[in-house]
Amino acid sequence: MGRIVAIDYGKKRTGLAVSDPLQMIAGGLTTLPSHEVIPFLRHYVDSEPVELFLLGEPRQMNYLPSENMPRVLQFKEKLQHAIAEVAIKMVDERFTSVLAHQAMRDGGLKKQQRQNKELVDELSATILLQTYLETIKK
């Protein structure tokens, strides 16, 4: 069984999270400038068995695509071409940033720490992945 890598793709930054090899627990991996994500993932896949890329699908509250959707779809196409051996699955990411901020508040992080956008992106990817892992267990 390979790892699952979750991707919270953004215009400037992208948060990444990864599962353990048994696909039970999600953990934050890193946040990178978006233009560095594919080379990073290529290197990661070369060193770790990865079964799936879980890509956040940006939607509005009414389920219509958000303004970031065209960028995400373009990224997905480039990722498929660059790392064809790993499947990509898109999943709804609508509440991940809200949940990340809530988790940071609940964890006792100070306001300045909660404004760290890199941490929010990584946590969002982790929440996206953990939610997915819980869904496939059922």
N, C-alpha and C. Protein backbone atom coordinates (compact mmCIF):
# COMPACT_ATOMS: atom_id res chain seq x y z
N MET A 1 0.86 -1.18 0.00
CA MET A 1 0.00 0.00 0.00
C MET A 1 0.89 1.23 0.00
N GLY A 2 0.61 2.16 -0.88
CA GLY A 2 1.40 3.38 -0.96
C GLY A 2 0.75 4.52 -0.20
N ARG A 3 1.50 5.58 -0.06
CA ARG A 3 1.00 6.78 0.62
C ARG A 3 0.03 7.53 -0.28
N ILE A 4 -0.77 8.38 0.36
CA ILE A 4 -1.63 9.31 -0.37
C ILE A 4 -1.11 10.70 -0.06
N VAL A 5 -0.94 11.51 -1.08
CA VAL A 5 -0.48 12.89 -0.91
C VAL A 5 -1.63 13.82 -1.25
N ALA A 6 -2.01 14.66 -0.28
CA ALA A 6 -3.07 15.65 -0.51
C ALA A 6 -2.44 16.97 -0.93
N ILE A 7 -3.10 17.65 -1.85
CA ILE A 7 -2.58 18.89 -2.41
C ILE A 7 -3.66 19.97 -2.31
N ASP A 8 -3.35 21.03 -1.57
CA ASP A 8 -4.23 22.19 -1.49
C ASP A 8 -3.58 23.27 -2.35
N TYR A 9 -3.91 23.25 -3.66
CA TYR A 9 -3.24 24.10 -4.64
C TYR A 9 -3.78 25.52 -4.61
N GLY A 10 -2.88 26.47 -4.58
CA GLY A 10 -3.26 27.88 -4.62
C GLY A 10 -2.45 28.63 -5.65
N LYS A 11 -2.88 29.83 -5.93
CA LYS A 11 -2.22 30.66 -6.94
C LYS A 11 -0.74 30.90 -6.58
N LYS A 12 -0.48 31.19 -5.30
CA LYS A 12 0.89 31.49 -4.86
C LYS A 12 1.54 30.34 -4.11
N ARG A 13 0.78 29.72 -3.21
CA ARG A 13 1.31 28.67 -2.33
C ARG A 13 0.46 27.42 -2.43
N THR A 14 1.10 26.30 -2.15
CA THR A 14 0.40 25.02 -2.15
C THR A 14 0.78 24.24 -0.90
N GLY A 15 -0.25 23.82 -0.17
CA GLY A 15 -0.03 23.01 1.02
C GLY A 15 -0.08 21.54 0.65
N LEU A 16 0.81 20.77 1.27
CA LEU A 16 0.88 19.33 1.01
C LEU A 16 0.78 18.57 2.33
N ALA A 17 0.10 17.45 2.27
CA ALA A 17 0.00 16.54 3.41
C ALA A 17 0.18 15.12 2.88
N VAL A 18 0.55 14.22 3.77
CA VAL A 18 0.81 12.84 3.34
C VAL A 18 0.27 11.87 4.38
N SER A 19 -0.18 10.73 3.90
CA SER A 19 -0.65 9.68 4.80
C SER A 19 0.53 8.81 5.21
N ASP A 20 0.32 8.04 6.26
CA ASP A 20 1.29 7.00 6.60
C ASP A 20 1.13 5.88 5.57
N PRO A 21 2.07 4.93 5.52
CA PRO A 21 1.97 3.87 4.50
C PRO A 21 0.70 3.02 4.60
N LEU A 22 0.10 2.91 5.78
CA LEU A 22 -1.13 2.14 5.94
C LEU A 22 -2.39 2.95 5.64
N GLN A 23 -2.21 4.21 5.28
CA GLN A 23 -3.31 5.11 4.94
C GLN A 23 -4.32 5.25 6.08
N MET A 24 -3.79 5.48 7.28
CA MET A 24 -4.65 5.64 8.44
C MET A 24 -4.61 7.07 9.00
N ILE A 25 -3.45 7.70 8.93
CA ILE A 25 -3.26 9.00 9.56
C ILE A 25 -2.65 9.98 8.57
N ALA A 26 -3.17 11.20 8.57
CA ALA A 26 -2.63 12.27 7.73
C ALA A 26 -1.70 13.14 8.55
N GLY A 27 -0.66 13.60 7.91
CA GLY A 27 0.27 14.53 8.55
C GLY A 27 0.69 15.59 7.56
N GLY A 28 0.95 16.78 8.07
CA GLY A 28 1.41 17.85 7.19
C GLY A 28 2.78 17.51 6.61
N LEU A 29 2.99 17.87 5.37
CA LEU A 29 4.27 17.62 4.71
C LEU A 29 5.04 18.92 4.57
N THR A 30 4.46 19.89 3.86
CA THR A 30 5.13 21.18 3.68
C THR A 30 4.19 22.13 2.94
N THR A 31 4.59 23.37 2.83
CA THR A 31 3.94 24.34 1.95
C THR A 31 5.03 24.91 1.07
N LEU A 32 4.74 24.96 -0.21
CA LEU A 32 5.73 25.41 -1.20
C LEU A 32 5.14 26.49 -2.10
N PRO A 33 6.01 27.31 -2.71
CA PRO A 33 5.51 28.15 -3.79
C PRO A 33 4.92 27.22 -4.87
N SER A 34 3.80 27.58 -5.42
CA SER A 34 3.08 26.69 -6.33
C SER A 34 3.91 26.22 -7.52
N HIS A 35 4.81 27.05 -8.01
CA HIS A 35 5.61 26.65 -9.17
C HIS A 35 6.66 25.58 -8.82
N GLU A 36 6.87 25.31 -7.52
CA GLU A 36 7.85 24.30 -7.11
C GLU A 36 7.22 22.94 -6.77
N VAL A 37 5.90 22.85 -6.83
CA VAL A 37 5.21 21.65 -6.36
C VAL A 37 5.51 20.42 -7.20
N ILE A 38 5.42 20.52 -8.51
CA ILE A 38 5.62 19.33 -9.35
C ILE A 38 7.04 18.78 -9.22
N PRO A 39 8.08 19.60 -9.29
CA PRO A 39 9.43 19.04 -9.07
C PRO A 39 9.57 18.40 -7.68
N PHE A 40 8.98 19.01 -6.67
CA PHE A 40 9.03 18.45 -5.33
C PHE A 40 8.34 17.08 -5.30
N LEU A 41 7.15 17.00 -5.89
CA LEU A 41 6.41 15.73 -5.90
C LEU A 41 7.12 14.67 -6.73
N ARG A 42 7.77 15.06 -7.81
CA ARG A 42 8.53 14.10 -8.61
C ARG A 42 9.62 13.47 -7.74
N HIS A 43 10.33 14.29 -7.02
CA HIS A 43 11.39 13.79 -6.12
C HIS A 43 10.79 12.93 -5.02
N TYR A 44 9.66 13.35 -4.47
CA TYR A 44 9.01 12.60 -3.39
C TYR A 44 8.58 11.21 -3.87
N VAL A 45 7.97 11.16 -5.04
CA VAL A 45 7.50 9.89 -5.61
C VAL A 45 8.68 8.97 -5.92
N ASP A 46 9.80 9.54 -6.28
CA ASP A 46 10.99 8.74 -6.55
C ASP A 46 11.57 8.12 -5.28
N SER A 47 11.26 8.70 -4.12
CA SER A 47 11.82 8.20 -2.86
C SER A 47 10.81 7.49 -1.96
N GLU A 48 9.51 7.66 -2.21
CA GLU A 48 8.45 7.05 -1.39
C GLU A 48 7.39 6.44 -2.31
N PRO A 49 6.82 5.31 -1.91
CA PRO A 49 5.72 4.76 -2.72
C PRO A 49 4.45 5.61 -2.52
N VAL A 50 3.96 6.18 -3.60
CA VAL A 50 2.75 7.01 -3.55
C VAL A 50 1.71 6.36 -4.44
N GLU A 51 0.54 6.13 -3.86
CA GLU A 51 -0.55 5.46 -4.57
C GLU A 51 -1.50 6.46 -5.23
N LEU A 52 -1.66 7.63 -4.60
CA LEU A 52 -2.69 8.57 -5.06
C LEU A 52 -2.33 10.00 -4.70
N PHE A 53 -2.63 10.92 -5.62
CA PHE A 53 -2.62 12.35 -5.31
C PHE A 53 -4.08 12.75 -5.10
N LEU A 54 -4.34 13.37 -3.97
CA LEU A 54 -5.67 13.85 -3.64
C LEU A 54 -5.63 15.37 -3.82
N LEU A 55 -6.30 15.86 -4.83
CA LEU A 55 -6.24 17.28 -5.19
C LEU A 55 -7.52 17.98 -4.77
N GLY A 56 -7.37 19.03 -3.98
CA GLY A 56 -8.52 19.80 -3.53
C GLY A 56 -9.23 20.46 -4.70
N GLU A 57 -10.54 20.28 -4.74
CA GLU A 57 -11.37 20.85 -5.81
C GLU A 57 -12.06 22.09 -5.27
N PRO A 58 -11.64 23.27 -5.73
CA PRO A 58 -12.20 24.51 -5.18
C PRO A 58 -13.60 24.81 -5.70
N ARG A 59 -14.53 24.83 -4.77
CA ARG A 59 -15.93 25.11 -5.11
C ARG A 59 -16.47 26.19 -4.18
N GLN A 60 -17.48 26.90 -4.67
CA GLN A 60 -18.18 27.88 -3.85
C GLN A 60 -19.23 27.15 -3.02
N MET A 61 -19.87 27.86 -2.12
CA MET A 61 -20.87 27.26 -1.26
C MET A 61 -22.03 26.65 -2.05
N ASN A 62 -22.32 27.19 -3.23
CA ASN A 62 -23.41 26.66 -4.06
C ASN A 62 -22.93 25.57 -5.02
N TYR A 63 -21.75 25.03 -4.79
CA TYR A 63 -21.14 23.94 -5.55
C TYR A 63 -20.59 24.37 -6.92
N LEU A 64 -20.74 25.62 -7.30
CA LEU A 64 -20.16 26.08 -8.55
C LEU A 64 -18.65 26.20 -8.38
N PRO A 65 -17.89 26.05 -9.47
CA PRO A 65 -16.43 26.17 -9.37
C PRO A 65 -16.03 27.56 -8.88
N SER A 66 -14.99 27.62 -8.06
CA SER A 66 -14.50 28.91 -7.59
C SER A 66 -13.56 29.51 -8.65
N GLU A 67 -13.10 30.71 -8.38
CA GLU A 67 -12.22 31.39 -9.34
C GLU A 67 -10.87 30.67 -9.50
N ASN A 68 -10.50 29.83 -8.54
CA ASN A 68 -9.23 29.11 -8.62
C ASN A 68 -9.34 27.82 -9.44
N MET A 69 -10.54 27.40 -9.79
CA MET A 69 -10.73 26.13 -10.50
C MET A 69 -9.91 26.02 -11.79
N PRO A 70 -9.89 27.03 -12.66
CA PRO A 70 -9.09 26.89 -13.90
C PRO A 70 -7.61 26.64 -13.60
N ARG A 71 -7.06 27.29 -12.58
CA ARG A 71 -5.65 27.08 -12.22
C ARG A 71 -5.44 25.65 -11.70
N VAL A 72 -6.38 25.16 -10.90
CA VAL A 72 -6.27 23.81 -10.35
C VAL A 72 -6.34 22.78 -11.48
N LEU A 73 -7.24 22.97 -12.42
CA LEU A 73 -7.36 22.03 -13.54
C LEU A 73 -6.11 22.06 -14.42
N GLN A 74 -5.54 23.23 -14.61
CA GLN A 74 -4.29 23.34 -15.37
C GLN A 74 -3.15 22.63 -14.63
N PHE A 75 -3.09 22.82 -13.31
CA PHE A 75 -2.10 22.13 -12.49
C PHE A 75 -2.29 20.61 -12.58
N LYS A 76 -3.52 20.16 -12.50
CA LYS A 76 -3.82 18.72 -12.57
C LYS A 76 -3.30 18.13 -13.87
N GLU A 77 -3.52 18.83 -14.97
CA GLU A 77 -3.05 18.35 -16.27
C GLU A 77 -1.53 18.25 -16.31
N LYS A 78 -0.85 19.26 -15.78
CA LYS A 78 0.62 19.24 -15.75
C LYS A 78 1.13 18.12 -14.84
N LEU A 79 0.46 17.92 -13.71
CA LEU A 79 0.85 16.87 -12.77
C LEU A 79 0.66 15.50 -13.41
N GLN A 80 -0.45 15.28 -14.10
CA GLN A 80 -0.70 14.00 -14.78
C GLN A 80 0.39 13.71 -15.80
N HIS A 81 0.80 14.75 -16.50
CA HIS A 81 1.83 14.57 -17.52
C HIS A 81 3.19 14.29 -16.88
N ALA A 82 3.51 14.99 -15.80
CA ALA A 82 4.82 14.87 -15.17
C ALA A 82 4.98 13.59 -14.36
N ILE A 83 3.89 13.14 -13.73
CA ILE A 83 3.95 11.95 -12.85
C ILE A 83 2.77 11.04 -13.21
N ALA A 84 2.83 10.48 -14.38
CA ALA A 84 1.71 9.70 -14.92
C ALA A 84 1.44 8.41 -14.14
N GLU A 85 2.43 7.93 -13.40
CA GLU A 85 2.25 6.65 -12.70
C GLU A 85 1.40 6.76 -11.43
N VAL A 86 1.07 7.97 -11.02
CA VAL A 86 0.25 8.16 -9.81
C VAL A 86 -1.11 8.73 -10.21
N ALA A 87 -2.17 8.07 -9.77
CA ALA A 87 -3.53 8.54 -10.06
C ALA A 87 -3.82 9.84 -9.30
N ILE A 88 -4.73 10.62 -9.85
CA ILE A 88 -5.16 11.87 -9.21
C ILE A 88 -6.66 11.80 -8.99
N LYS A 89 -7.07 12.11 -7.78
CA LYS A 89 -8.50 12.18 -7.47
C LYS A 89 -8.80 13.56 -6.91
N MET A 90 -9.83 14.19 -7.43
CA MET A 90 -10.22 15.50 -6.93
C MET A 90 -11.33 15.35 -5.89
N VAL A 91 -11.22 16.11 -4.80
CA VAL A 91 -12.22 16.08 -3.74
C VAL A 91 -12.54 17.50 -3.29
N ASP A 92 -13.76 17.68 -2.85
CA ASP A 92 -14.27 18.97 -2.39
C ASP A 92 -13.41 19.50 -1.24
N GLU A 93 -12.94 20.73 -1.37
CA GLU A 93 -12.10 21.33 -0.34
C GLU A 93 -12.77 22.54 0.33
N ARG A 94 -14.08 22.68 0.20
CA ARG A 94 -14.74 23.91 0.60
C ARG A 94 -14.50 24.37 2.03
N PHE A 95 -14.45 23.49 2.99
CA PHE A 95 -14.37 23.94 4.38
C PHE A 95 -13.00 23.75 5.01
N THR A 96 -12.01 23.34 4.22
CA THR A 96 -10.72 23.02 4.81
C THR A 96 -10.03 24.22 5.45
N SER A 97 -10.08 25.39 4.83
CA SER A 97 -9.42 26.57 5.41
C SER A 97 -10.11 27.01 6.70
N VAL A 98 -11.45 26.95 6.71
CA VAL A 98 -12.20 27.31 7.92
C VAL A 98 -11.84 26.35 9.04
N LEU A 99 -11.80 25.05 8.74
CA LEU A 99 -11.46 24.05 9.74
C LEU A 99 -10.01 24.20 10.21
N ALA A 100 -9.12 24.59 9.30
CA ALA A 100 -7.71 24.81 9.68
C ALA A 100 -7.61 25.96 10.67
N HIS A 101 -8.30 27.06 10.40
CA HIS A 101 -8.28 28.19 11.34
C HIS A 101 -8.88 27.80 12.68
N GLN A 102 -9.95 27.03 12.67
CA GLN A 102 -10.58 26.58 13.91
C GLN A 102 -9.62 25.68 14.70
N ALA A 103 -8.94 24.78 14.01
CA ALA A 103 -7.99 23.89 14.67
C ALA A 103 -6.84 24.69 15.29
N MET A 104 -6.42 25.73 14.61
CA MET A 104 -5.34 26.57 15.14
C MET A 104 -5.81 27.31 16.39
N ARG A 105 -7.05 27.81 16.37
CA ARG A 105 -7.60 28.48 17.56
C ARG A 105 -7.73 27.48 18.71
N ASP A 106 -8.30 26.32 18.39
CA ASP A 106 -8.49 25.29 19.41
C ASP A 106 -7.16 24.80 19.97
N GLY A 107 -6.14 24.83 19.16
CA GLY A 107 -4.81 24.40 19.59
C GLY A 107 -4.07 25.45 20.39
N GLY A 108 -4.68 26.61 20.57
CA GLY A 108 -4.08 27.65 21.39
C GLY A 108 -3.06 28.53 20.69
N LEU A 109 -3.03 28.49 19.36
CA LEU A 109 -2.07 29.35 18.65
C LEU A 109 -2.50 30.81 18.77
N LYS A 110 -1.52 31.67 18.96
CA LYS A 110 -1.79 33.11 19.06
C LYS A 110 -2.19 33.65 17.68
N LYS A 111 -2.81 34.82 17.69
CA LYS A 111 -3.33 35.42 16.46
C LYS A 111 -2.25 35.53 15.38
N GLN A 112 -1.06 35.96 15.76
CA GLN A 112 0.02 36.11 14.78
C GLN A 112 0.38 34.76 14.15
N GLN A 113 0.39 33.71 14.95
CA GLN A 113 0.68 32.37 14.42
C GLN A 113 -0.44 31.89 13.50
N ARG A 114 -1.67 32.25 13.83
CA ARG A 114 -2.81 31.83 12.99
C ARG A 114 -2.83 32.55 11.65
N GLN A 115 -2.11 33.64 11.54
CA GLN A 115 -2.05 34.38 10.28
C GLN A 115 -0.95 33.86 9.35
N ASN A 116 -0.24 32.83 9.78
CA ASN A 116 0.79 32.20 8.97
C ASN A 116 0.11 31.42 7.84
N LYS A 117 0.09 31.99 6.65
CA LYS A 117 -0.64 31.38 5.53
C LYS A 117 -0.06 30.04 5.11
N GLU A 118 1.25 29.87 5.25
CA GLU A 118 1.86 28.59 4.92
C GLU A 118 1.32 27.48 5.83
N LEU A 119 1.20 27.79 7.12
CA LEU A 119 0.67 26.82 8.07
C LEU A 119 -0.80 26.50 7.76
N VAL A 120 -1.57 27.52 7.42
CA VAL A 120 -2.98 27.31 7.07
C VAL A 120 -3.09 26.39 5.85
N ASP A 121 -2.25 26.61 4.84
CA ASP A 121 -2.29 25.78 3.63
C ASP A 121 -1.93 24.33 3.94
N GLU A 122 -0.90 24.12 4.76
CA GLU A 122 -0.50 22.76 5.12
C GLU A 122 -1.57 22.07 5.95
N LEU A 123 -2.14 22.81 6.89
CA LEU A 123 -3.23 22.25 7.71
C LEU A 123 -4.46 21.94 6.86
N SER A 124 -4.76 22.79 5.91
CA SER A 124 -5.90 22.55 5.01
C SER A 124 -5.70 21.25 4.24
N ALA A 125 -4.50 21.03 3.74
CA ALA A 125 -4.20 19.78 3.02
C ALA A 125 -4.32 18.59 3.97
N THR A 126 -3.89 18.76 5.21
CA THR A 126 -3.96 17.68 6.19
C THR A 126 -5.41 17.34 6.51
N ILE A 127 -6.24 18.35 6.68
CA ILE A 127 -7.66 18.13 6.95
C ILE A 127 -8.34 17.45 5.75
N LEU A 128 -8.00 17.91 4.56
CA LEU A 128 -8.54 17.30 3.34
C LEU A 128 -8.21 15.80 3.30
N LEU A 129 -6.96 15.48 3.61
CA LEU A 129 -6.51 14.09 3.57
C LEU A 129 -7.13 13.26 4.69
N GLN A 130 -7.16 13.80 5.91
CA GLN A 130 -7.72 13.03 7.02
C GLN A 130 -9.20 12.74 6.79
N THR A 131 -9.92 13.72 6.26
CA THR A 131 -11.34 13.52 5.94
C THR A 131 -11.50 12.41 4.90
N TYR A 132 -10.66 12.43 3.90
CA TYR A 132 -10.71 11.39 2.87
C TYR A 132 -10.40 10.02 3.46
N LEU A 133 -9.37 9.93 4.29
CA LEU A 133 -9.00 8.66 4.91
C LEU A 133 -10.14 8.10 5.75
N GLU A 134 -10.82 8.98 6.47
CA GLU A 134 -11.96 8.53 7.28
C GLU A 134 -13.10 8.06 6.40
N THR A 135 -13.28 8.68 5.26
CA THR A 135 -14.34 8.29 4.33
C THR A 135 -14.08 6.92 3.72
N ILE A 136 -12.83 6.63 3.33
CA ILE A 136 -12.56 5.34 2.69
C ILE A 136 -12.54 4.19 3.69
N LYS A 137 -12.40 4.49 4.98
CA LYS A 137 -12.44 3.44 6.01
C LYS A 137 -13.83 2.88 6.17
N LYS A 138 -14.85 3.70 5.91
CA LYS A 138 -16.24 3.30 6.15
C LYS A 138 -16.75 2.35 5.09
